[in-house]
PDB file of N, CA and C in Angstrom:
ATOM      1  N   UNK A   1       0.832  -1.316   0.032  1.00  0.00           N
ATOM      2  CA  UNK A   1      -0.048   0.025   0.280  1.00  0.00           C
ATOM      3  C   UNK A   1       1.001   1.150   0.055  1.00  0.00           C
ATOM      4  N   UNK A   2       0.775   2.194  -0.664  1.00  0.00           N
ATOM      5  CA  UNK A   2       1.273   3.578  -0.955  1.00  0.00           C
ATOM      6  C   UNK A   2       0.868   4.148   0.126  1.00  0.00           C
ATOM      7  N   UNK A   3       1.761   4.686   1.034  1.00  0.00           N
ATOM      8  CA  UNK A   3       1.367   6.049   1.940  1.00  0.00           C
ATOM      9  C   UNK A   3       1.548   7.231   1.619  1.00  0.00           C
ATOM     10  N   UNK A   4       0.255   8.242   2.323  1.00  0.00           N
ATOM     11  CA  UNK A   4       0.440   9.503   1.671  1.00  0.00           C
ATOM     12  C   UNK A   4       1.613  10.344   2.336  1.00  0.00           C
ATOM     13  N   UNK A   5       1.806  11.305   1.893  1.00  0.00           N
ATOM     14  CA  UNK A   5       2.706  12.310   2.463  1.00  0.00           C
ATOM     15  C   UNK A   5       2.274  12.594   3.897  1.00  0.00           C
ATOM     16  N   UNK A   6       1.117  12.613   4.090  1.00  0.00           N
ATOM     17  CA  UNK A   6       0.585  12.933   5.654  1.00  0.00           C
ATOM     18  C   UNK A   6       0.708  11.771   6.425  1.00  0.00           C
ATOM     19  N   UNK A   7       0.638  10.859   5.682  1.00  0.00           N
ATOM     20  CA  UNK A   7       0.801   9.236   6.654  1.00  0.00           C
ATOM     21  C   UNK A   7       2.197   9.452   7.156  1.00  0.00           C
ATOM     22  N   UNK A   8       3.216   9.363   6.170  1.00  0.00           N
ATOM     23  CA  UNK A   8       4.640   9.321   6.365  1.00  0.00           C
ATOM     24  C   UNK A   8       4.930  10.216   7.334  1.00  0.00           C
ATOM     25  N   UNK A   9       4.681  11.422   7.027  1.00  0.00           N
ATOM     26  CA  UNK A   9       5.085  12.569   8.092  1.00  0.00           C
ATOM     27  C   UNK A   9       4.533  12.362   9.433  1.00  0.00           C
ATOM     28  N   UNK A  10       3.374  12.102   9.728  1.00  0.00           N
ATOM     29  CA  UNK A  10       2.818  11.464  11.195  1.00  0.00           C
ATOM     30  C   UNK A  10       3.711  10.480  11.491  1.00  0.00           C
ATOM     31  N   UNK A  11       4.143   9.543  11.079  1.00  0.00           N
ATOM     32  CA  UNK A  11       4.781   8.477  11.372  1.00  0.00           C
ATOM     33  C   UNK A  11       6.258   8.618  11.648  1.00  0.00           C
ATOM     34  N   UNK A  12       6.919   9.584  11.179  1.00  0.00           N
ATOM     35  CA  UNK A  12       8.024   9.899  11.036  1.00  0.00           C
ATOM     36  C   UNK A  12       8.259  10.950  12.469  1.00  0.00           C
ATOM     37  N   UNK A  13       7.149  11.996  12.770  1.00  0.00           N
ATOM     38  CA  UNK A  13       7.089  12.683  13.732  1.00  0.00           C
ATOM     39  C   UNK A  13       6.824  11.890  15.232  1.00  0.00           C
ATOM     40  N   UNK A  14       6.338  10.850  14.956  1.00  0.00           N
ATOM     41  CA  UNK A  14       5.799   9.804  16.199  1.00  0.00           C
ATOM     42  C   UNK A  14       7.033   9.286  16.675  1.00  0.00           C
ATOM     43  N   UNK A  15       7.834   8.841  16.009  1.00  0.00           N
ATOM     44  CA  UNK A  15       9.511   8.555  16.289  1.00  0.00           C
ATOM     45  C   UNK A  15      10.202   9.466  16.861  1.00  0.00           C
ATOM     46  N   UNK A  16      10.194  10.563  16.475  1.00  0.00           N
ATOM     47  CA  UNK A  16      11.019  11.577  16.959  1.00  0.00           C
ATOM     48  C   UNK A  16      11.532  11.843  18.686  1.00  0.00           C
ATOM     49  N   UNK A  17      10.558  11.705  19.537  1.00  0.00           N
ATOM     50  CA  UNK A  17      10.548  11.881  20.733  1.00  0.00           C
ATOM     51  C   UNK A  17      11.263  10.674  21.437  1.00  0.00           C
ATOM     52  N   UNK A  18      11.506   9.623  20.421  1.00  0.00           N
ATOM     53  CA  UNK A  18      12.843   8.477  21.347  1.00  0.00           C
ATOM     54  C   UNK A  18      13.624   8.321  20.193  1.00  0.00           C
ATOM     55  N   UNK A  19      14.174   8.981  19.452  1.00  0.00           N
ATOM     56  CA  UNK A  19      15.370   8.973  18.488  1.00  0.00           C
ATOM     57  C   UNK A  19      16.232   9.716  19.424  1.00  0.00           C
ATOM     58  N   UNK A  20      17.797   9.386  18.753  1.00  0.00           N
ATOM     59  CA  UNK A  20      19.004  10.364  19.500  1.00  0.00           C
ATOM     60  C   UNK A  20      19.252   9.458  20.875  1.00  0.00           C
ATOM     61  N   UNK A  21      19.842  10.004  21.480  1.00  0.00           N
ATOM     62  CA  UNK A  21      20.498   9.802  22.917  1.00  0.00           C
ATOM     63  C   UNK A  21      19.291   9.831  23.979  1.00  0.00           C
ATOM     64  N   UNK A  22      18.404  10.602  23.832  1.00  0.00           N
ATOM     65  CA  UNK A  22      17.819  11.148  24.981  1.00  0.00           C
ATOM     66  C   UNK A  22      16.319  11.564  24.378  1.00  0.00           C
ATOM     67  N   UNK A  23      15.783  10.954  23.299  1.00  0.00           N
ATOM     68  CA  UNK A  23      14.658  11.687  22.632  1.00  0.00           C
ATOM     69  C   UNK A  23      15.036  13.213  22.076  1.00  0.00           C
ATOM     70  N   UNK A  24      14.355  13.539  21.304  1.00  0.00           N
ATOM     71  CA  UNK A  24      14.309  14.812  20.906  1.00  0.00           C
ATOM     72  C   UNK A  24      12.945  15.608  20.812  1.00  0.00           C
ATOM     73  N   UNK A  25      13.190  16.712  21.069  1.00  0.00           N
ATOM     74  CA  UNK A  25      12.193  17.861  21.089  1.00  0.00           C
ATOM     75  C   UNK A  25      12.229  18.994  19.966  1.00  0.00           C
ATOM     76  N   UNK A  26      11.162  19.229  19.699  1.00  0.00           N
ATOM     77  CA  UNK A  26      10.784  20.139  18.541  1.00  0.00           C
ATOM     78  C   UNK A  26      11.156  21.624  19.321  1.00  0.00           C
ATOM     79  N   UNK A  27      11.807  22.475  18.612  1.00  0.00           N
ATOM     80  CA  UNK A  27      12.089  23.883  19.285  1.00  0.00           C
ATOM     81  C   UNK A  27      11.415  24.680  17.766  1.00  0.00           C
ATOM     82  N   UNK A  28      10.378  25.551  18.322  1.00  0.00           N
ATOM     83  CA  UNK A  28       9.731  26.318  16.721  1.00  0.00           C
ATOM     84  C   UNK A  28       9.694  27.716  17.400  1.00  0.00           C
ATOM     85  N   UNK A  29      10.600  28.375  16.801  1.00  0.00           N
ATOM     86  CA  UNK A  29      10.192  29.972  17.172  1.00  0.00           C
ATOM     87  C   UNK A  29      11.179  30.914  16.629  1.00  0.00           C
ATOM     88  N   UNK A  30      10.371  32.214  16.340  1.00  0.00           N
ATOM     89  CA  UNK A  30      10.809  33.141  15.475  1.00  0.00           C
ATOM     90  C   UNK A  30      12.320  34.222  15.845  1.00  0.00           C
ATOM     91  N   UNK A  31      13.266  34.326  15.489  1.00  0.00           N
ATOM     92  CA  UNK A  31      14.425  34.974  15.858  1.00  0.00           C
ATOM     93  C   UNK A  31      14.305  36.177  14.878  1.00  0.00           C
ATOM     94  N   UNK A  32      15.120  37.411  15.265  1.00  0.00           N
ATOM     95  CA  UNK A  32      15.335  38.404  13.940  1.00  0.00           C
ATOM     96  C   UNK A  32      16.154  37.996  13.148  1.00  0.00           C
ATOM     97  N   UNK A  33      16.061  39.077  11.966  1.00  0.00           N
ATOM     98  CA  UNK A  33      16.620  38.494  10.739  1.00  0.00           C
ATOM     99  C   UNK A  33      18.479  38.693  11.266  1.00  0.00           C
ATOM    100  N   UNK A  34      18.883  39.303  11.668  1.00  0.00           N
ATOM    101  CA  UNK A  34      19.979  39.464  11.981  1.00  0.00           C
ATOM    102  C   UNK A  34      20.467  38.396  12.759  1.00  0.00           C
ATOM    103  N   UNK A  35      19.688  37.874  13.636  1.00  0.00           N
ATOM    104  CA  UNK A  35      20.163  36.702  14.367  1.00  0.00           C
ATOM    105  C   UNK A  35      20.149  35.268  13.330  1.00  0.00           C
ATOM    106  N   UNK A  36      19.116  35.172  12.697  1.00  0.00           N
ATOM    107  CA  UNK A  36      18.920  33.972  11.574  1.00  0.00           C
ATOM    108  C   UNK A  36      20.424  34.123  10.690  1.00  0.00           C
ATOM    109  N   UNK A  37      20.638  35.445  10.157  1.00  0.00           N
ATOM    110  CA  UNK A  37      21.522  35.730   9.325  1.00  0.00           C
ATOM    111  C   UNK A  37      23.115  35.087  10.026  1.00  0.00           C
ATOM    112  N   UNK A  38      23.333  35.512  11.447  1.00  0.00           N
ATOM    113  CA  UNK A  38      24.142  35.470  12.193  1.00  0.00           C
ATOM    114  C   UNK A  38      24.177  33.828  12.350  1.00  0.00           C
ATOM    115  N   UNK A  39      23.260  33.148  12.334  1.00  0.00           N
ATOM    116  CA  UNK A  39      23.444  31.557  12.463  1.00  0.00           C
ATOM    117  C   UNK A  39      24.092  30.934  11.499  1.00  0.00           C
ATOM    118  N   UNK A  40      23.314  31.268  10.326  1.00  0.00           N
ATOM    119  CA  UNK A  40      23.666  30.845   8.986  1.00  0.00           C
ATOM    120  C   UNK A  40      25.609  30.709   8.683  1.00  0.00           C
ATOM    121  N   UNK A  41      25.708  32.237   9.094  1.00  0.00           N
ATOM    122  CA  UNK A  41      27.310  32.607   9.128  1.00  0.00           C
ATOM    123  C   UNK A  41      28.202  31.542  10.043  1.00  0.00           C
ATOM    124  N   UNK A  42      27.655  31.591  11.023  1.00  0.00           N
ATOM    125  CA  UNK A  42      28.422  30.601  12.149  1.00  0.00           C
ATOM    126  C   UNK A  42      28.454  29.229  11.622  1.00  0.00           C
ATOM    127  N   UNK A  43      26.995  28.669  11.434  1.00  0.00           N
ATOM    128  CA  UNK A  43      27.291  27.388  10.860  1.00  0.00           C
ATOM    129  C   UNK A  43      28.146  27.148   9.757  1.00  0.00           C
ATOM    130  N   UNK A  44      27.883  27.885   8.763  1.00  0.00           N
ATOM    131  CA  UNK A  44      29.160  27.853   7.554  1.00  0.00           C
ATOM    132  C   UNK A  44      30.471  27.911   7.959  1.00  0.00           C
ATOM    133  N   UNK A  45      30.963  28.700   8.970  1.00  0.00           N
ATOM    134  CA  UNK A  45      32.002  29.087   9.269  1.00  0.00           C
ATOM    135  C   UNK A  45      32.868  27.919  10.179  1.00  0.00           C
ATOM    136  N   UNK A  46      31.815  27.729  10.976  1.00  0.00           N
ATOM    137  CA  UNK A  46      32.639  26.186  11.593  1.00  0.00           C
ATOM    138  C   UNK A  46      32.310  25.135  11.070  1.00  0.00           C
ATOM    139  N   UNK A  47      31.596  24.817   9.907  1.00  0.00           N
ATOM    140  CA  UNK A  47      30.856  23.591   9.089  1.00  0.00           C
ATOM    141  C   UNK A  47      30.104  22.749   9.736  1.00  0.00           C
ATOM    142  N   UNK A  48      29.352  23.424  10.458  1.00  0.00           N
ATOM    143  CA  UNK A  48      28.112  22.734  11.076  1.00  0.00           C
ATOM    144  C   UNK A  48      26.927  23.078  10.463  1.00  0.00           C
ATOM    145  N   UNK A  49      25.845  22.199  10.724  1.00  0.00           N
ATOM    146  CA  UNK A  49      24.565  22.321  10.504  1.00  0.00           C
ATOM    147  C   UNK A  49      24.321  23.518  11.291  1.00  0.00           C
ATOM    148  N   UNK A  50      22.929  24.137  11.557  1.00  0.00           N
ATOM    149  CA  UNK A  50      22.411  25.076  12.153  1.00  0.00           C
ATOM    150  C   UNK A  50      21.839  24.220  13.660  1.00  0.00           C
ATOM    151  N   UNK A  51      21.348  23.214  13.352  1.00  0.00           N
ATOM    152  CA  UNK A  51      20.894  22.238  14.690  1.00  0.00           C
ATOM    153  C   UNK A  51      22.248  22.357  15.284  1.00  0.00           C
ATOM    154  N   UNK A  52      23.313  21.616  14.957  1.00  0.00           N
ATOM    155  CA  UNK A  52      24.546  21.237  15.536  1.00  0.00           C
ATOM    156  C   UNK A  52      24.896  22.376  16.167  1.00  0.00           C
ATOM    157  N   UNK A  53      24.993  23.671  15.472  1.00  0.00           N
ATOM    158  CA  UNK A  53      25.574  24.932  16.187  1.00  0.00           C
ATOM    159  C   UNK A  53      24.673  25.315  17.343  1.00  0.00           C
ATOM    160  N   UNK A  54      23.309  25.431  17.045  1.00  0.00           N
ATOM    161  CA  UNK A  54      22.322  25.807  18.369  1.00  0.00           C
ATOM    162  C   UNK A  54      22.818  24.714  19.539  1.00  0.00           C
ATOM    163  N   UNK A  55      22.727  23.434  19.140  1.00  0.00           N
ATOM    164  CA  UNK A  55      22.896  22.403  20.357  1.00  0.00           C
ATOM    165  C   UNK A  55      24.175  22.529  21.257  1.00  0.00           C
ATOM    166  N   UNK A  56      25.492  22.986  20.100  1.00  0.00           N
ATOM    167  CA  UNK A  56      26.535  23.082  21.038  1.00  0.00           C
ATOM    168  C   UNK A  56      26.609  24.439  21.722  1.00  0.00           C
ATOM    169  N   UNK A  57      26.179  25.131  21.350  1.00  0.00           N
ATOM    170  CA  UNK A  57      25.724  26.936  21.891  1.00  0.00           C
ATOM    171  C   UNK A  57      24.804  26.711  23.106  1.00  0.00           C
ATOM    172  N   UNK A  58      23.884  26.434  22.973  1.00  0.00           N
ATOM    173  CA  UNK A  58      23.237  25.842  24.364  1.00  0.00           C
ATOM    174  C   UNK A  58      23.249  24.882  25.358  1.00  0.00           C
ATOM    175  N   UNK A  59      24.104  23.848  24.965  1.00  0.00           N
ATOM    176  CA  UNK A  59      24.508  22.732  26.307  1.00  0.00           C
ATOM    177  C   UNK A  59      26.105  23.614  26.760  1.00  0.00           C
ATOM    178  N   UNK A  60      26.725  24.218  25.736  1.00  0.00           N
ATOM    179  CA  UNK A  60      27.930  24.780  26.527  1.00  0.00           C
ATOM    180  C   UNK A  60      27.808  26.157  27.527  1.00  0.00           C
ATOM    181  N   UNK A  61      26.558  26.713  27.124  1.00  0.00           N
ATOM    182  CA  UNK A  61      26.142  27.800  28.132  1.00  0.00           C
ATOM    183  C   UNK A  61      25.526  27.061  29.650  1.00  0.00           C
ATOM    184  N   UNK A  62      24.936  26.039  29.137  1.00  0.00           N
ATOM    185  CA  UNK A  62      24.209  25.022  30.268  1.00  0.00           C
ATOM    186  C   UNK A  62      25.104  24.616  31.248  1.00  0.00           C
ATOM    187  N   UNK A  63      26.088  23.981  30.850  1.00  0.00           N
ATOM    188  CA  UNK A  63      27.503  23.503  31.414  1.00  0.00           C
ATOM    189  C   UNK A  63      28.249  24.541  31.973  1.00  0.00           C
ATOM    190  N   UNK A  64      28.390  25.759  31.695  1.00  0.00           N
ATOM    191  CA  UNK A  64      29.086  26.865  32.370  1.00  0.00           C
ATOM    192  C   UNK A  64      28.141  27.211  33.648  1.00  0.00           C
ATOM    193  N   UNK A  65      26.897  27.151  33.680  1.00  0.00           N
ATOM    194  CA  UNK A  65      25.983  27.282  34.631  1.00  0.00           C
ATOM    195  C   UNK A  65      26.067  26.162  35.844  1.00  0.00           C
ATOM    196  N   UNK A  66      26.024  25.192  35.553  1.00  0.00           N
ATOM    197  CA  UNK A  66      25.987  24.136  36.224  1.00  0.00           C
ATOM    198  C   UNK A  66      27.180  23.742  36.967  1.00  0.00           C
ATOM    199  N   UNK A  67      28.591  24.141  35.874  1.00  0.00           N
ATOM    200  CA  UNK A  67      29.375  23.916  36.797  1.00  0.00           C
ATOM    201  C   UNK A  67      29.836  24.760  37.633  1.00  0.00           C
ATOM    202  N   UNK A  68      29.120  25.754  37.741  1.00  0.00           N
ATOM    203  CA  UNK A  68      29.278  27.046  38.856  1.00  0.00           C
ATOM    204  C   UNK A  68      28.482  26.888  39.974  1.00  0.00           C
ATOM    205  N   UNK A  69      27.391  25.973  40.095  1.00  0.00           N
ATOM    206  CA  UNK A  69      26.624  25.831  40.951  1.00  0.00           C
ATOM    207  C   UNK A  69      26.838  24.628  42.017  1.00  0.00           C
ATOM    208  N   UNK A  70      26.911  24.742  43.024  1.00  0.00           N
ATOM    209  CA  UNK A  70      26.826  23.569  44.337  1.00  0.00           C
ATOM    210  C   UNK A  70      25.767  22.774  44.341  1.00  0.00           C
ATOM    211  N   UNK A  71      26.034  21.583  44.222  1.00  0.00           N
ATOM    212  CA  UNK A  71      24.778  20.677  44.083  1.00  0.00           C
ATOM    213  C   UNK A  71      23.766  20.457  44.997  1.00  0.00           C
ATOM    214  N   UNK A  72      24.402  20.806  46.227  1.00  0.00           N
ATOM    215  CA  UNK A  72      23.536  21.014  47.551  1.00  0.00           C
ATOM    216  C   UNK A  72      22.965  22.166  47.487  1.00  0.00           C
ATOM    217  N   UNK A  73      22.980  23.072  46.825  1.00  0.00           N
ATOM    218  CA  UNK A  73      22.518  24.724  46.804  1.00  0.00           C
ATOM    219  C   UNK A  73      21.024  24.759  46.376  1.00  0.00           C
ATOM    220  N   UNK A  74      20.481  25.670  47.137  1.00  0.00           N
ATOM    221  CA  UNK A  74      18.897  26.134  46.545  1.00  0.00           C
ATOM    222  C   UNK A  74      19.386  26.575  45.310  1.00  0.00           C
ATOM    223  N   UNK A  75      20.231  27.175  44.667  1.00  0.00           N
ATOM    224  CA  UNK A  75      20.556  27.646  43.268  1.00  0.00           C
ATOM    225  C   UNK A  75      20.289  26.437  42.389  1.00  0.00           C
ATOM    226  N   UNK A  76      21.075  25.453  42.919  1.00  0.00           N
ATOM    227  CA  UNK A  76      21.137  24.287  42.094  1.00  0.00           C
ATOM    228  C   UNK A  76      19.501  23.582  41.757  1.00  0.00           C
ATOM    229  N   UNK A  77      18.739  23.327  42.951  1.00  0.00           N
ATOM    230  CA  UNK A  77      17.445  23.069  43.032  1.00  0.00           C
ATOM    231  C   UNK A  77      16.492  23.866  42.162  1.00  0.00           C
ATOM    232  N   UNK A  78      16.801  25.183  42.219  1.00  0.00           N
ATOM    233  CA  UNK A  78      15.908  26.260  41.121  1.00  0.00           C
ATOM    234  C   UNK A  78      16.588  26.131  39.885  1.00  0.00           C
ATOM    235  N   UNK A  79      17.917  26.102  39.812  1.00  0.00           N
ATOM    236  CA  UNK A  79      18.172  25.998  38.095  1.00  0.00           C
ATOM    237  C   UNK A  79      17.327  24.783  37.806  1.00  0.00           C
ATOM    238  N   UNK A  80      17.281  23.527  38.340  1.00  0.00           N
ATOM    239  CA  UNK A  80      16.934  22.414  37.285  1.00  0.00           C
ATOM    240  C   UNK A  80      15.426  22.237  37.654  1.00  0.00           C
ATOM    241  N   UNK A  81      14.835  23.307  38.578  1.00  0.00           N
ATOM    242  CA  UNK A  81      13.440  23.261  38.664  1.00  0.00           C
ATOM    243  C   UNK A  81      12.602  23.560  37.460  1.00  0.00           C
ATOM    244  N   UNK A  82      13.058  24.271  36.455  1.00  0.00           N
ATOM    245  CA  UNK A  82      12.793  24.940  35.080  1.00  0.00           C
ATOM    246  C   UNK A  82      12.755  23.786  34.255  1.00  0.00           C
ATOM    247  N   UNK A  83      11.544  23.608  33.728  1.00  0.00           N
ATOM    248  CA  UNK A  83      11.298  22.404  32.428  1.00  0.00           C
ATOM    249  C   UNK A  83      10.730  23.085  31.543  1.00  0.00           C
ATOM    250  N   UNK A  84      11.006  22.470  29.962  1.00  0.00           N
ATOM    251  CA  UNK A  84      10.059  22.841  28.939  1.00  0.00           C
ATOM    252  C   UNK A  84       9.674  21.672  28.400  1.00  0.00           C
TER     253      UNK A  84
END
Protein backbone atom coordinates (compact mmCIF):
# COMPACT_ATOMS: atom_id res chain seq x y z
CA UNK A 1 0.00 0.00 0.00
CA UNK A 2 1.29 3.44 -0.88
CA UNK A 3 1.39 5.86 2.06
CA UNK A 4 0.38 9.47 1.67
CA UNK A 5 2.77 12.24 2.58
CA UNK A 6 0.57 13.05 5.55
CA UNK A 7 0.79 9.48 6.88
CA UNK A 8 4.57 9.28 6.36
CA UNK A 9 5.07 12.62 8.13
CA UNK A 10 2.88 11.52 11.07
CA UNK A 11 4.89 8.30 11.43
CA UNK A 12 8.17 10.21 11.27
CA UNK A 13 7.09 12.71 13.94
CA UNK A 14 5.81 9.93 16.18
CA UNK A 15 9.32 8.38 16.24
CA UNK A 16 11.16 11.64 17.01
CA UNK A 17 10.56 11.76 20.80
CA UNK A 18 12.37 8.44 21.19
CA UNK A 19 15.21 8.93 18.72
CA UNK A 20 18.73 10.02 19.55
CA UNK A 21 20.48 9.64 22.90
CA UNK A 22 17.66 11.03 25.01
CA UNK A 23 14.85 11.61 22.57
CA UNK A 24 14.33 14.87 20.77
CA UNK A 25 12.08 17.89 21.16
CA UNK A 26 10.98 20.33 18.53
CA UNK A 27 11.83 24.00 19.01
CA UNK A 28 9.70 26.35 16.96
CA UNK A 29 10.42 30.04 17.43
CA UNK A 30 10.95 33.28 15.58
CA UNK A 31 14.24 35.17 15.76
CA UNK A 32 15.34 38.46 14.27
CA UNK A 33 16.66 38.48 10.74
CA UNK A 34 20.10 39.49 12.01
CA UNK A 35 20.18 36.52 14.43
CA UNK A 36 19.09 34.14 11.65
CA UNK A 37 21.73 35.44 9.28
CA UNK A 38 24.39 35.27 12.01
CA UNK A 39 23.43 31.65 12.75
CA UNK A 40 23.82 30.82 9.08
CA UNK A 41 27.23 32.50 8.90
CA UNK A 42 28.44 30.78 12.08
CA UNK A 43 27.22 27.38 10.91
CA UNK A 44 29.00 27.83 7.59
CA UNK A 45 32.17 29.12 9.26
CA UNK A 46 32.37 26.17 11.67
CA UNK A 47 31.17 23.69 9.02
CA UNK A 48 28.23 22.63 11.17
CA UNK A 49 24.53 22.48 10.57
CA UNK A 50 22.42 25.14 12.25
CA UNK A 51 21.04 22.42 14.49
CA UNK A 52 24.52 21.24 15.54
CA UNK A 53 25.62 24.80 16.24
CA UNK A 54 22.53 25.66 18.29
CA UNK A 55 22.84 22.46 20.32
CA UNK A 56 26.53 23.15 20.97
CA UNK A 57 25.90 26.75 22.05
CA UNK A 58 22.97 25.83 24.30
CA UNK A 59 24.72 22.89 25.98
CA UNK A 60 27.92 24.89 26.46
CA UNK A 61 26.06 27.75 28.18
CA UNK A 62 24.17 25.25 30.34
CA UNK A 63 27.37 23.48 31.41
CA UNK A 64 28.99 26.78 32.41
CA UNK A 65 26.10 27.45 34.77
CA UNK A 66 25.91 23.88 36.11
CA UNK A 67 29.65 23.82 36.88
CA UNK A 68 29.32 27.08 38.81
CA UNK A 69 26.62 25.70 41.13
CA UNK A 70 26.98 23.61 44.28
CA UNK A 71 24.83 20.51 43.93
CA UNK A 72 23.48 20.91 47.47
CA UNK A 73 22.52 24.56 47.02
CA UNK A 74 19.17 26.25 46.59
CA UNK A 75 20.49 27.72 43.33
CA UNK A 76 21.02 24.18 41.94
CA UNK A 77 17.47 23.20 42.88
CA UNK A 78 16.07 26.40 41.43
CA UNK A 79 18.02 25.98 38.18
CA UNK A 80 16.81 22.42 37.66
CA UNK A 81 13.23 23.29 38.56
CA UNK A 82 12.80 24.93 35.16
CA UNK A 83 11.36 22.50 32.62
CA UNK A 84 10.24 22.83 29.04
